[in-house]
N, C-alpha and C. Protein backbone atom coordinates (compact mmCIF):
# COMPACT_ATOMS: atom_id res chain seq x y z
N MET A 1 35.89 12.26 7.34
CA MET A 1 36.70 12.03 8.25
C MET A 1 37.40 13.12 8.78
N PHE A 2 37.82 13.73 9.86
CA PHE A 2 38.30 14.70 10.76
C PHE A 2 39.53 14.56 10.45
N ASN A 3 40.21 15.90 9.51
CA ASN A 3 41.53 15.87 9.47
C ASN A 3 42.20 17.29 10.66
N ARG A 4 43.01 17.10 10.87
CA ARG A 4 43.55 18.17 11.87
C ARG A 4 44.52 18.79 11.33
N PHE A 5 44.73 18.80 10.43
CA PHE A 5 45.96 19.34 9.56
C PHE A 5 45.38 20.42 8.44
N SER A 6 45.76 21.17 7.99
CA SER A 6 45.25 22.21 6.89
C SER A 6 45.77 21.96 5.86
N LYS A 7 45.49 22.10 4.33
CA LYS A 7 45.75 21.68 3.46
C LYS A 7 47.51 21.92 3.45
N GLU A 8 47.70 22.93 3.51
CA GLU A 8 49.00 23.75 3.49
C GLU A 8 50.34 22.49 4.21
N GLN A 9 49.33 22.15 5.87
CA GLN A 9 50.25 21.77 6.65
C GLN A 9 50.43 19.70 5.67
N GLN A 10 49.44 19.34 5.50
CA GLN A 10 49.02 18.27 4.62
C GLN A 10 50.77 18.44 3.54
N GLN A 11 50.53 19.21 3.25
CA GLN A 11 51.53 19.24 1.74
C GLN A 11 52.68 19.47 2.05
N ILE A 12 53.34 19.83 3.52
CA ILE A 12 54.54 19.84 4.26
C ILE A 12 54.59 18.40 4.48
N ILE A 13 53.95 18.00 5.23
CA ILE A 13 53.78 16.63 5.74
C ILE A 13 54.36 15.94 4.30
N GLN A 14 53.63 15.85 3.56
CA GLN A 14 53.76 14.83 2.23
C GLN A 14 55.35 15.22 1.76
N SER A 15 55.68 16.62 1.52
CA SER A 15 56.82 17.00 1.36
C SER A 15 58.11 16.28 1.87
N ILE A 16 58.03 15.88 3.77
CA ILE A 16 58.70 15.59 4.36
C ILE A 16 58.86 13.51 4.24
N GLN A 17 57.69 13.15 4.14
CA GLN A 17 57.71 11.85 3.60
C GLN A 17 58.15 11.74 2.29
N ASP A 18 58.24 12.69 1.12
CA ASP A 18 58.64 12.25 0.00
C ASP A 18 60.51 12.43 0.18
N PHE A 19 60.65 13.52 0.93
CA PHE A 19 62.25 13.75 1.09
C PHE A 19 62.70 12.65 2.00
N PHE A 20 62.01 11.94 3.05
CA PHE A 20 62.71 10.83 4.05
C PHE A 20 62.87 9.26 2.76
N LEU A 21 61.93 9.20 1.50
CA LEU A 21 62.15 8.57 1.20
C LEU A 21 63.18 8.40 0.06
N GLU A 22 63.77 9.68 -0.09
CA GLU A 22 65.04 9.67 -1.17
C GLU A 22 66.75 10.02 -0.04
N VAL A 23 66.58 9.43 1.27
CA VAL A 23 67.55 10.13 2.00
C VAL A 23 67.85 9.17 3.07
N PRO A 24 69.06 8.39 2.09
CA PRO A 24 69.61 7.24 2.76
C PRO A 24 71.21 7.26 2.72
N SER A 25 71.66 8.65 3.35
CA SER A 25 72.80 8.90 3.21
C SER A 25 73.57 8.93 4.75
N ASP A 26 74.56 9.24 4.70
CA ASP A 26 75.33 9.24 5.77
C ASP A 26 75.17 10.64 6.51
N PHE A 27 75.08 11.35 5.27
CA PHE A 27 74.70 13.23 5.56
C PHE A 27 73.35 13.45 5.63
N ALA A 28 72.42 12.68 6.23
CA ALA A 28 70.79 12.95 6.57
C ALA A 28 70.97 13.56 7.70
N ALA A 29 71.29 13.87 8.69
CA ALA A 29 70.86 14.99 9.44
C ALA A 29 71.08 16.37 8.47
N GLU A 30 72.43 16.17 8.17
CA GLU A 30 72.49 18.10 7.85
C GLU A 30 71.32 18.04 6.41
N ARG A 31 70.87 17.43 5.59
CA ARG A 31 70.24 17.07 4.50
C ARG A 31 68.83 17.75 4.95
N VAL A 32 68.06 16.93 6.30
CA VAL A 32 67.40 17.32 6.99
C VAL A 32 67.16 18.52 7.44
N PHE A 33 68.86 19.15 8.17
CA PHE A 33 68.29 20.67 8.46
C PHE A 33 68.04 21.23 7.45
N ASP A 34 68.84 21.27 6.38
CA ASP A 34 68.29 22.01 5.09
C ASP A 34 67.35 21.74 4.44
N PHE A 35 66.78 20.87 4.55
CA PHE A 35 65.10 20.55 4.21
C PHE A 35 64.63 21.75 4.89
N ILE A 36 64.40 21.50 6.44
CA ILE A 36 63.20 22.37 7.16
C ILE A 36 63.61 23.57 7.00
N LYS A 37 64.94 23.85 6.86
CA LYS A 37 65.58 25.19 6.74
C LYS A 37 64.71 26.40 5.78
N GLU A 38 64.95 25.14 4.39
CA GLU A 38 64.40 25.74 3.17
C GLU A 38 62.95 25.42 2.49
N SER A 39 62.63 24.62 3.38
CA SER A 39 61.32 24.13 2.84
C SER A 39 60.17 24.82 3.89
N VAL A 40 60.29 24.32 5.36
CA VAL A 40 59.70 24.02 6.07
C VAL A 40 59.37 25.24 6.96
N ALA A 41 60.76 25.95 7.19
CA ALA A 41 60.89 27.09 8.36
C ALA A 41 59.64 28.21 8.25
N ILE A 42 59.72 28.72 6.78
CA ILE A 42 58.84 29.64 6.41
C ILE A 42 57.37 29.53 7.30
N HIS A 43 57.16 28.70 6.80
CA HIS A 43 55.26 28.28 7.34
C HIS A 43 55.53 28.58 9.01
N PHE A 44 56.27 28.24 9.67
CA PHE A 44 56.51 28.48 11.06
C PHE A 44 57.08 29.80 11.39
N TYR A 45 57.85 30.22 10.79
CA TYR A 45 57.94 31.80 10.99
C TYR A 45 56.41 32.98 10.80
N ASN A 46 56.23 32.33 9.76
CA ASN A 46 54.79 33.00 9.16
C ASN A 46 53.60 33.14 10.17
N ILE A 47 53.22 31.58 10.68
CA ILE A 47 52.41 31.76 12.20
C ILE A 47 52.76 32.47 12.95
N GLY A 48 54.22 32.85 13.51
CA GLY A 48 54.73 33.38 14.71
C GLY A 48 54.46 35.04 14.42
N ILE A 49 54.56 35.23 13.07
CA ILE A 49 54.83 36.66 12.91
C ILE A 49 52.93 37.36 13.00
N GLN A 50 52.17 35.98 12.43
CA GLN A 50 51.06 36.44 12.55
C GLN A 50 50.14 36.29 14.23
N ASP A 51 51.14 35.48 15.11
CA ASP A 51 50.67 35.79 16.00
C ASP A 51 51.05 36.69 17.23
N ALA A 52 52.22 37.10 16.34
CA ALA A 52 52.84 38.45 17.40
C ALA A 52 51.85 39.77 16.71
N HIS A 53 51.25 39.55 15.44
CA HIS A 53 50.57 40.86 15.16
C HIS A 53 49.27 40.97 15.58
N ALA A 54 48.45 39.35 15.89
CA ALA A 54 47.21 39.49 16.51
C ALA A 54 47.48 40.45 18.24
N ALA A 55 48.93 39.42 18.54
CA ALA A 55 48.80 40.19 20.06
C ALA A 55 48.91 41.47 20.25
N VAL A 56 49.36 41.97 19.57
CA VAL A 56 50.12 43.53 19.53
C VAL A 56 48.81 44.17 19.35
N LEU A 57 47.82 43.87 18.25
CA LEU A 57 46.78 44.47 18.51
C LEU A 57 45.78 43.94 19.39
N SER A 58 45.25 43.24 19.54
CA SER A 58 44.82 42.91 20.77
C SER A 58 45.07 43.71 22.13
N HIS A 59 46.15 43.71 22.16
CA HIS A 59 46.90 45.01 23.23
C HIS A 59 46.85 46.37 23.45
N SER A 60 46.81 46.76 21.96
CA SER A 60 47.03 47.72 21.59
C SER A 60 45.04 48.50 21.90
N ARG A 61 44.58 47.50 21.34
CA ARG A 61 42.94 47.68 21.67
C ARG A 61 42.35 47.89 22.95
N HIS A 62 43.32 46.79 24.07
CA HIS A 62 42.71 46.87 25.28
C HIS A 62 43.44 48.52 25.94
N SER A 63 44.43 48.19 25.51
CA SER A 63 45.46 49.71 25.79
C SER A 63 44.39 50.78 25.63
N THR A 64 43.49 51.32 24.76
CA THR A 64 43.03 52.40 24.35
C THR A 64 41.98 52.42 25.10
N MET A 65 41.26 51.44 24.95
CA MET A 65 40.46 51.01 25.89
C MET A 65 40.30 51.79 27.64
N ASN A 66 41.24 51.37 28.42
CA ASN A 66 41.51 51.82 29.63
C ASN A 66 42.04 53.24 29.74
N CYS A 67 42.37 54.00 28.56
CA CYS A 67 42.44 55.54 28.56
C CYS A 67 41.79 56.34 29.08
């Protein structure tokens, strides 16, 4: 079966599912925010850094070709 998520993404999804099984409280929104900030945000940050790095490399390659 085709899986559109990487192994790392599947682990993040499982962590989110596990988290929601444990969180029936009045502070759920704050806990969700903390969970995302502490557990998931770094994944998206790293993707952003990788994308920015690739864009800079691509731009610098095109710039040097036009000189």
